[in-house]
Amino acid sequence: MKVVIIRDLKGVGRAGDIVEVPDGYGRNFLIPKSYAKFADSTTVQEISRKKAEEKSALESQKKADEKLSKILGKIELIFSLPATPEGSLYSGLKESEILAKIKNREPRLSPQAKLADYQPIKKTGDHSVILLINLKSRIEIKIIINSKNAQK
C-alpha cells in the first residue's frame, strides 16, 4: 500500500514522503493515527505542489540572503562609548547593541540573525564580528569603538 507520510515517523519516513508500507500497518495504524494518508492521485499532486512551493520559497530566500550579505559585508559600525583613558570600556559592548544597530541600517535582517561565538567587546579600537543570517550565511562586520569621555 502506498501512503503519504503526514508527520515524521522514525523508521517509516519524513513528512511529505510517499512510501510503500504493508497493508495492515497502513490501514490499522498509520492512517487512523493521522501519520499518513492514502497516496491517491490528488494527494500526490498536492504533495508535489507543496514541495515545489517550498523549493521556490527557499530559492527566493537564498537570493535575498545573498543580496543582504553583499550589503552587510560593506558596512562599518561605529560606536562611541564611555571608556577609561587607557581604552577600556566601562561596560562591554553587547551582542544586542550590535544587532540593534545592524537592524537600524538594514531592516530586512531576519529576527533569527545572531553573532557567532560573541564575547562582549571591552576595548576601544577596531574589531570584527561574524554575523550569522542563517545556517550557511556568515558575514564579517567591522566594528569601530571610539572613546566618549564626559567633559566636566
Foldseek 3Di string as FASTA:
>chain_A
DWKAFCDDDPPFGHHLDIGDDDPCCCVPPCVVVVRIGHPDPVVNVVSVVVVVVVVVVVVVVVVVLVVVQVVQQPDEAEAEAADDPVFFGPDFADFVNVVVVVCVVPVVQDPPKGWPPDDTHGGAAKDWTWIDSDPPDTHIYIYGYHHDHDDD
